[in-house]
Amino acid sequence: MTSRLRIPLDAKVLAVAALAAGLCFAAPAAAQGPSVTPQGDEKALIAQGENIFKGKAAGGLCWTCHGVDAKGMKGLGPDLTDKTWLHGDGSIDFVKSTVKAGIAKPKKGATPMPPFGGVPLNDNQVAAVAAYVQSLSAGKR
């Protein structure tokens, strides 16, 4: 006997919203950060950002569209580990701004990125996620 799990419409809407919210940031156009090994506080900030990105803290959903490895998911979120920035210069200020504002019309893919990736992040959490994302393409990891 096969049983079907019935999921209420509200749960389906929430699941779709969570998936869409995972577009925490879109990889911004052609800036290369310095290849520096982070130390001390910066290393801790990057680690905190990684935990948020991967959904281990602050309800972060970035991984749902960018993948746990941040290499992107076709049609959802771009690869954040390469050196290509699609919507800006790749500076830490730009990445923070992207996380805060989202990307309404992505240059690649049809799924917009909601502000704050769809979760309530405070300024410290935004800074941590931005440091982690920037570290991925800057060779800091």
N, C-alpha and C. Protein backbone atom coordinates (compact mmCIF):
# COMPACT_ATOMS: atom_id res chain seq x y z
N MET A 1 0.84 -1.18 0.00
CA MET A 1 0.00 0.00 0.00
C MET A 1 0.88 1.24 0.00
N THR A 2 0.58 2.14 -0.87
CA THR A 2 1.35 3.37 -0.98
C THR A 2 0.54 4.50 -0.36
N SER A 3 1.20 5.25 0.49
CA SER A 3 0.51 6.40 1.07
C SER A 3 1.15 7.67 0.51
N ARG A 4 0.33 8.66 0.32
CA ARG A 4 0.82 9.93 -0.20
C ARG A 4 0.81 10.95 0.93
N LEU A 5 1.91 11.63 1.03
CA LEU A 5 2.00 12.69 2.02
C LEU A 5 1.34 13.92 1.43
N ARG A 6 0.37 14.44 2.13
CA ARG A 6 -0.30 15.66 1.66
C ARG A 6 0.32 16.86 2.36
N ILE A 7 0.86 17.73 1.56
CA ILE A 7 1.50 18.93 2.09
C ILE A 7 0.55 20.09 1.87
N PRO A 8 0.19 20.79 2.95
CA PRO A 8 -0.72 21.93 2.81
C PRO A 8 -0.12 22.99 1.89
N LEU A 9 -0.97 23.74 1.22
CA LEU A 9 -0.53 24.78 0.32
C LEU A 9 0.42 25.76 1.00
N ASP A 10 0.12 26.15 2.25
CA ASP A 10 0.99 27.09 2.97
C ASP A 10 2.40 26.54 3.08
N ALA A 11 2.55 25.24 3.35
CA ALA A 11 3.87 24.63 3.46
C ALA A 11 4.58 24.65 2.12
N LYS A 12 3.84 24.44 1.04
CA LYS A 12 4.45 24.48 -0.29
C LYS A 12 4.94 25.89 -0.61
N VAL A 13 4.12 26.88 -0.28
CA VAL A 13 4.51 28.27 -0.52
C VAL A 13 5.76 28.61 0.29
N LEU A 14 5.81 28.19 1.54
CA LEU A 14 6.98 28.44 2.37
C LEU A 14 8.21 27.75 1.81
N ALA A 15 8.06 26.54 1.31
CA ALA A 15 9.20 25.81 0.74
C ALA A 15 9.74 26.54 -0.48
N VAL A 16 8.86 27.02 -1.34
CA VAL A 16 9.30 27.76 -2.53
C VAL A 16 9.96 29.07 -2.10
N ALA A 17 9.39 29.73 -1.12
CA ALA A 17 9.97 30.99 -0.63
C ALA A 17 11.35 30.75 -0.03
N ALA A 18 11.51 29.67 0.71
CA ALA A 18 12.81 29.35 1.30
C ALA A 18 13.84 29.08 0.21
N LEU A 19 13.43 28.38 -0.82
CA LEU A 19 14.34 28.10 -1.92
C LEU A 19 14.74 29.39 -2.61
N ALA A 20 13.78 30.25 -2.88
CA ALA A 20 14.07 31.53 -3.52
C ALA A 20 14.94 32.40 -2.62
N ALA A 21 14.71 32.34 -1.33
CA ALA A 21 15.47 33.15 -0.39
C ALA A 21 16.92 32.73 -0.34
N GLY A 22 17.23 31.54 -0.76
CA GLY A 22 18.60 31.05 -0.74
C GLY A 22 19.52 31.80 -1.68
N LEU A 23 18.97 32.66 -2.49
CA LEU A 23 19.81 33.43 -3.39
C LEU A 23 20.45 34.58 -2.63
N CYS A 24 21.11 34.28 -1.58
CA CYS A 24 21.67 35.30 -0.69
C CYS A 24 22.40 36.41 -1.42
N PHE A 25 23.17 36.05 -2.40
CA PHE A 25 23.90 37.05 -3.14
C PHE A 25 24.18 36.54 -4.52
N ALA A 26 24.27 37.41 -5.43
CA ALA A 26 24.67 37.04 -6.77
C ALA A 26 26.14 37.39 -6.90
N ALA A 27 26.86 36.52 -7.54
CA ALA A 27 28.27 36.81 -7.72
C ALA A 27 28.40 38.05 -8.58
N PRO A 28 28.99 39.09 -8.09
CA PRO A 28 29.12 40.28 -8.82
C PRO A 28 30.11 40.21 -9.96
N ALA A 29 31.17 41.62 -11.42
CA ALA A 29 31.94 41.53 -12.63
C ALA A 29 33.38 41.81 -12.35
N ALA A 30 34.22 41.00 -12.60
CA ALA A 30 35.65 40.97 -12.77
C ALA A 30 36.50 41.81 -11.83
N ALA A 31 36.45 41.56 -10.58
CA ALA A 31 37.39 42.14 -9.64
C ALA A 31 38.17 41.01 -9.01
N GLN A 32 39.42 41.26 -8.77
CA GLN A 32 40.23 40.23 -8.13
C GLN A 32 40.72 40.77 -6.81
N GLY A 33 40.32 40.12 -5.74
CA GLY A 33 40.76 40.53 -4.43
C GLY A 33 42.17 40.04 -4.18
N PRO A 34 42.83 40.59 -3.18
CA PRO A 34 44.18 40.15 -2.87
C PRO A 34 44.18 38.71 -2.37
N SER A 35 45.21 38.00 -2.70
CA SER A 35 45.34 36.61 -2.25
C SER A 35 46.07 36.63 -0.92
N VAL A 36 45.30 36.80 0.14
CA VAL A 36 45.85 36.95 1.48
C VAL A 36 45.25 35.91 2.39
N THR A 37 46.04 35.37 3.29
CA THR A 37 45.51 34.43 4.26
C THR A 37 44.93 35.22 5.42
N PRO A 38 43.65 35.02 5.73
CA PRO A 38 43.04 35.79 6.82
C PRO A 38 43.63 35.39 8.17
N GLN A 39 43.68 36.35 9.07
CA GLN A 39 44.21 36.07 10.39
C GLN A 39 43.28 36.63 11.45
N GLY A 40 43.35 36.05 12.63
CA GLY A 40 42.63 36.57 13.79
C GLY A 40 41.16 36.79 13.58
N ASP A 41 40.74 38.05 13.83
CA ASP A 41 39.33 38.40 13.76
C ASP A 41 38.73 38.15 12.38
N GLU A 42 39.51 38.41 11.33
CA GLU A 42 38.99 38.20 9.98
C GLU A 42 38.69 36.72 9.74
N LYS A 43 39.55 35.86 10.24
CA LYS A 43 39.34 34.42 10.08
C LYS A 43 38.07 33.99 10.83
N ALA A 44 37.86 34.54 12.01
CA ALA A 44 36.65 34.23 12.79
C ALA A 44 35.40 34.77 12.09
N LEU A 45 35.51 35.95 11.50
CA LEU A 45 34.38 36.54 10.77
C LEU A 45 34.02 35.68 9.56
N ILE A 46 35.02 35.21 8.84
CA ILE A 46 34.79 34.35 7.68
C ILE A 46 34.14 33.04 8.12
N ALA A 47 34.60 32.48 9.22
CA ALA A 47 34.02 31.22 9.74
C ALA A 47 32.56 31.43 10.13
N GLN A 48 32.26 32.57 10.76
CA GLN A 48 30.87 32.88 11.11
C GLN A 48 30.03 33.01 9.84
N GLY A 49 30.56 33.69 8.84
CA GLY A 49 29.85 33.85 7.57
C GLY A 49 29.61 32.52 6.88
N GLU A 50 30.56 31.62 6.96
CA GLU A 50 30.39 30.29 6.37
C GLU A 50 29.25 29.54 7.07
N ASN A 51 29.20 29.64 8.40
CA ASN A 51 28.11 28.99 9.14
C ASN A 51 26.75 29.54 8.75
N ILE A 52 26.66 30.84 8.56
CA ILE A 52 25.40 31.45 8.14
C ILE A 52 25.07 31.01 6.71
N PHE A 53 26.05 31.09 5.82
CA PHE A 53 25.86 30.71 4.42
C PHE A 53 25.34 29.29 4.30
N LYS A 54 25.90 28.39 5.09
CA LYS A 54 25.54 26.97 5.01
C LYS A 54 24.33 26.59 5.86
N GLY A 55 23.68 27.59 6.47
CA GLY A 55 22.46 27.33 7.22
C GLY A 55 22.67 26.79 8.61
N LYS A 56 23.88 26.90 9.13
CA LYS A 56 24.19 26.41 10.47
C LYS A 56 23.97 27.48 11.54
N ALA A 57 23.71 28.71 11.10
CA ALA A 57 23.49 29.82 12.03
C ALA A 57 22.58 30.85 11.37
N ALA A 58 21.85 31.59 12.18
CA ALA A 58 21.04 32.73 11.77
C ALA A 58 19.98 32.40 10.71
N GLY A 59 19.69 31.14 10.52
CA GLY A 59 18.68 30.76 9.54
C GLY A 59 19.10 30.98 8.09
N GLY A 60 20.41 31.10 7.86
CA GLY A 60 20.92 31.36 6.52
C GLY A 60 20.46 30.33 5.50
N LEU A 61 20.08 30.83 4.34
CA LEU A 61 19.59 29.96 3.26
C LEU A 61 20.42 30.07 1.99
N CYS A 62 21.54 30.72 2.05
CA CYS A 62 22.37 30.98 0.86
C CYS A 62 22.67 29.69 0.09
N TRP A 63 22.96 28.64 0.82
CA TRP A 63 23.33 27.35 0.23
C TRP A 63 22.24 26.76 -0.65
N THR A 64 20.98 27.13 -0.40
CA THR A 64 19.89 26.50 -1.16
C THR A 64 19.95 26.85 -2.64
N CYS A 65 20.53 27.99 -2.99
CA CYS A 65 20.65 28.37 -4.40
C CYS A 65 22.10 28.40 -4.89
N HIS A 66 23.01 28.67 -3.99
CA HIS A 66 24.42 28.72 -4.38
C HIS A 66 25.14 27.40 -4.12
N GLY A 67 24.46 26.46 -3.46
CA GLY A 67 25.07 25.17 -3.15
C GLY A 67 25.90 25.26 -1.87
N VAL A 68 26.00 24.14 -1.18
CA VAL A 68 26.79 24.11 0.06
C VAL A 68 28.24 24.45 -0.22
N ASP A 69 28.72 24.08 -1.40
CA ASP A 69 30.10 24.37 -1.77
C ASP A 69 30.25 25.74 -2.43
N ALA A 70 29.15 26.48 -2.56
CA ALA A 70 29.10 27.83 -3.15
C ALA A 70 29.44 27.83 -4.63
N LYS A 71 29.39 26.69 -5.28
CA LYS A 71 29.72 26.59 -6.70
C LYS A 71 28.50 26.83 -7.60
N GLY A 72 27.38 27.23 -7.00
CA GLY A 72 26.20 27.58 -7.76
C GLY A 72 25.30 26.40 -8.05
N MET A 73 24.07 26.73 -8.40
CA MET A 73 23.09 25.73 -8.79
C MET A 73 22.40 26.25 -10.04
N LYS A 74 22.45 25.47 -11.09
CA LYS A 74 21.92 25.88 -12.39
C LYS A 74 20.50 26.45 -12.27
N GLY A 75 20.32 27.63 -12.81
CA GLY A 75 19.03 28.29 -12.81
C GLY A 75 18.66 28.99 -11.52
N LEU A 76 19.48 28.83 -10.47
CA LEU A 76 19.15 29.44 -9.19
C LEU A 76 20.18 30.49 -8.78
N GLY A 77 21.36 30.05 -8.39
CA GLY A 77 22.37 30.99 -7.92
C GLY A 77 23.71 30.72 -8.57
N PRO A 78 24.45 31.76 -8.92
CA PRO A 78 25.73 31.58 -9.59
C PRO A 78 26.83 31.06 -8.67
N ASP A 79 27.89 30.61 -9.29
CA ASP A 79 29.10 30.16 -8.61
C ASP A 79 29.73 31.37 -7.92
N LEU A 80 30.00 31.24 -6.64
CA LEU A 80 30.64 32.32 -5.89
C LEU A 80 32.12 32.05 -5.64
N THR A 81 32.63 30.95 -6.18
CA THR A 81 34.02 30.57 -5.91
C THR A 81 34.96 31.00 -7.03
N ASP A 82 34.42 31.45 -8.14
CA ASP A 82 35.29 31.86 -9.24
C ASP A 82 35.66 33.34 -9.08
N LYS A 83 36.36 33.87 -10.02
CA LYS A 83 36.80 35.27 -9.95
C LYS A 83 35.84 36.22 -10.66
N THR A 84 34.71 35.71 -11.14
CA THR A 84 33.75 36.52 -11.89
C THR A 84 32.72 37.14 -10.96
N TRP A 85 32.58 38.44 -11.05
CA TRP A 85 31.56 39.18 -10.31
C TRP A 85 30.58 39.73 -11.33
N LEU A 86 29.34 39.35 -11.24
CA LEU A 86 28.36 39.70 -12.26
C LEU A 86 27.73 41.08 -12.11
N HIS A 87 27.63 41.60 -10.90
CA HIS A 87 26.85 42.82 -10.68
C HIS A 87 27.64 43.95 -10.02
N GLY A 88 28.96 43.84 -9.93
CA GLY A 88 29.72 44.90 -9.29
C GLY A 88 31.20 44.59 -9.26
N ASP A 89 31.91 45.31 -8.41
CA ASP A 89 33.37 45.24 -8.40
C ASP A 89 33.97 44.18 -7.47
N GLY A 90 33.15 43.51 -6.68
CA GLY A 90 33.67 42.45 -5.80
C GLY A 90 34.26 42.95 -4.50
N SER A 91 34.19 44.26 -4.27
CA SER A 91 34.71 44.80 -3.00
C SER A 91 33.82 44.33 -1.84
N ILE A 92 34.34 44.39 -0.65
CA ILE A 92 33.57 43.97 0.53
C ILE A 92 32.32 44.84 0.67
N ASP A 93 32.44 46.13 0.39
CA ASP A 93 31.26 47.01 0.47
C ASP A 93 30.21 46.62 -0.56
N PHE A 94 30.66 46.25 -1.76
CA PHE A 94 29.71 45.82 -2.77
C PHE A 94 29.00 44.53 -2.34
N VAL A 95 29.74 43.57 -1.81
CA VAL A 95 29.13 42.30 -1.41
C VAL A 95 28.13 42.53 -0.28
N LYS A 96 28.48 43.38 0.69
CA LYS A 96 27.53 43.71 1.77
C LYS A 96 26.26 44.33 1.18
N SER A 97 26.44 45.27 0.26
CA SER A 97 25.30 45.93 -0.36
C SER A 97 24.42 44.94 -1.10
N THR A 98 25.04 43.98 -1.77
CA THR A 98 24.30 42.97 -2.51
C THR A 98 23.49 42.09 -1.57
N VAL A 99 24.10 41.70 -0.46
CA VAL A 99 23.38 40.88 0.52
C VAL A 99 22.18 41.67 1.06
N LYS A 100 22.40 42.93 1.38
CA LYS A 100 21.32 43.75 1.94
C LYS A 100 20.19 44.03 0.94
N ALA A 101 20.55 44.37 -0.28
CA ALA A 101 19.55 44.78 -1.27
C ALA A 101 19.01 43.63 -2.11
N GLY A 102 19.78 42.56 -2.23
CA GLY A 102 19.39 41.47 -3.11
C GLY A 102 19.66 41.83 -4.56
N ILE A 103 19.22 40.97 -5.46
CA ILE A 103 19.37 41.20 -6.90
C ILE A 103 18.00 40.95 -7.53
N ALA A 104 17.33 42.02 -7.93
CA ALA A 104 15.98 41.89 -8.50
C ALA A 104 16.00 41.27 -9.89
N LYS A 105 16.99 41.64 -10.68
CA LYS A 105 17.08 41.14 -12.06
C LYS A 105 18.48 40.59 -12.29
N PRO A 106 18.70 39.33 -11.97
CA PRO A 106 20.03 38.75 -12.16
C PRO A 106 20.43 38.69 -13.63
N LYS A 107 21.73 38.87 -13.88
CA LYS A 107 22.24 38.81 -15.25
C LYS A 107 22.27 37.38 -15.77
N LYS A 108 22.40 36.43 -14.87
CA LYS A 108 22.38 35.01 -15.23
C LYS A 108 21.34 34.34 -14.35
N GLY A 109 20.47 33.56 -14.94
CA GLY A 109 19.43 32.90 -14.17
C GLY A 109 18.19 33.78 -14.08
N ALA A 110 17.08 33.16 -13.79
CA ALA A 110 15.81 33.88 -13.75
C ALA A 110 15.33 34.14 -12.33
N THR A 111 15.98 33.55 -11.34
CA THR A 111 15.50 33.65 -9.97
C THR A 111 16.14 34.84 -9.26
N PRO A 112 15.33 35.83 -8.85
CA PRO A 112 15.89 36.97 -8.13
C PRO A 112 16.40 36.57 -6.75
N MET A 113 17.33 37.34 -6.25
CA MET A 113 17.82 37.15 -4.90
C MET A 113 17.13 38.16 -4.00
N PRO A 114 16.40 37.69 -2.98
CA PRO A 114 15.72 38.65 -2.10
C PRO A 114 16.71 39.36 -1.17
N PRO A 115 16.35 40.55 -0.70
CA PRO A 115 17.21 41.23 0.27
C PRO A 115 17.49 40.32 1.47
N PHE A 116 18.71 40.36 1.93
CA PHE A 116 19.17 39.57 3.07
C PHE A 116 18.97 38.06 2.85
N GLY A 117 18.84 37.66 1.58
CA GLY A 117 18.61 36.25 1.30
C GLY A 117 17.29 35.76 1.85
N GLY A 118 16.41 36.69 2.19
CA GLY A 118 15.10 36.32 2.68
C GLY A 118 15.04 36.01 4.16
N VAL A 119 16.12 36.26 4.88
CA VAL A 119 16.13 36.03 6.33
C VAL A 119 16.57 37.30 7.04
N PRO A 120 16.14 37.50 8.27
CA PRO A 120 16.50 38.73 8.99
C PRO A 120 17.94 38.69 9.53
N LEU A 121 18.87 39.22 8.77
CA LEU A 121 20.27 39.28 9.20
C LEU A 121 20.58 40.67 9.74
N ASN A 122 21.32 40.73 10.83
CA ASN A 122 21.76 42.02 11.34
C ASN A 122 23.06 42.44 10.64
N ASP A 123 23.53 43.64 10.92
CA ASP A 123 24.72 44.16 10.23
C ASP A 123 25.95 43.28 10.44
N ASN A 124 26.12 42.74 11.64
CA ASN A 124 27.27 41.86 11.90
C ASN A 124 27.17 40.57 11.09
N GLN A 125 25.99 40.02 10.96
CA GLN A 125 25.80 38.80 10.18
C GLN A 125 26.01 39.08 8.69
N VAL A 126 25.55 40.23 8.22
CA VAL A 126 25.78 40.62 6.82
C VAL A 126 27.28 40.74 6.57
N ALA A 127 27.99 41.37 7.49
CA ALA A 127 29.45 41.53 7.34
C ALA A 127 30.14 40.16 7.31
N ALA A 128 29.67 39.24 8.12
CA ALA A 128 30.27 37.90 8.16
C ALA A 128 30.02 37.16 6.85
N VAL A 129 28.79 37.19 6.36
CA VAL A 129 28.47 36.51 5.10
C VAL A 129 29.27 37.14 3.96
N ALA A 130 29.35 38.46 3.93
CA ALA A 130 30.11 39.14 2.88
C ALA A 130 31.59 38.76 2.93
N ALA A 131 32.15 38.68 4.14
CA ALA A 131 33.56 38.29 4.28
C ALA A 131 33.77 36.87 3.76
N TYR A 132 32.84 35.97 4.08
CA TYR A 132 32.94 34.60 3.60
C TYR A 132 32.84 34.54 2.08
N VAL A 133 31.85 35.20 1.51
CA VAL A 133 31.66 35.18 0.06
C VAL A 133 32.88 35.77 -0.65
N GLN A 134 33.36 36.89 -0.15
CA GLN A 134 34.52 37.49 -0.78
C GLN A 134 35.74 36.59 -0.65
N SER A 135 35.86 35.89 0.46
CA SER A 135 37.02 35.01 0.65
C SER A 135 37.03 33.85 -0.34
N LEU A 136 35.86 33.45 -0.80
CA LEU A 136 35.77 32.33 -1.74
C LEU A 136 36.46 32.63 -3.06
N SER A 137 36.28 33.84 -3.56
CA SER A 137 36.86 34.18 -4.86
C SER A 137 38.20 34.88 -4.73
N ALA A 138 38.55 35.29 -3.52
CA ALA A 138 39.80 36.01 -3.31
C ALA A 138 40.94 35.07 -2.93
N GLY A 139 40.68 33.79 -2.88
CA GLY A 139 41.73 32.83 -2.54
C GLY A 139 42.13 32.84 -1.08
N LYS A 140 41.24 33.33 -0.21
CA LYS A 140 41.57 33.42 1.21
C LYS A 140 41.26 32.14 1.96
N ARG A 141 40.67 31.15 1.33
CA ARG A 141 40.30 29.92 2.02
C ARG A 141 41.20 28.80 1.62
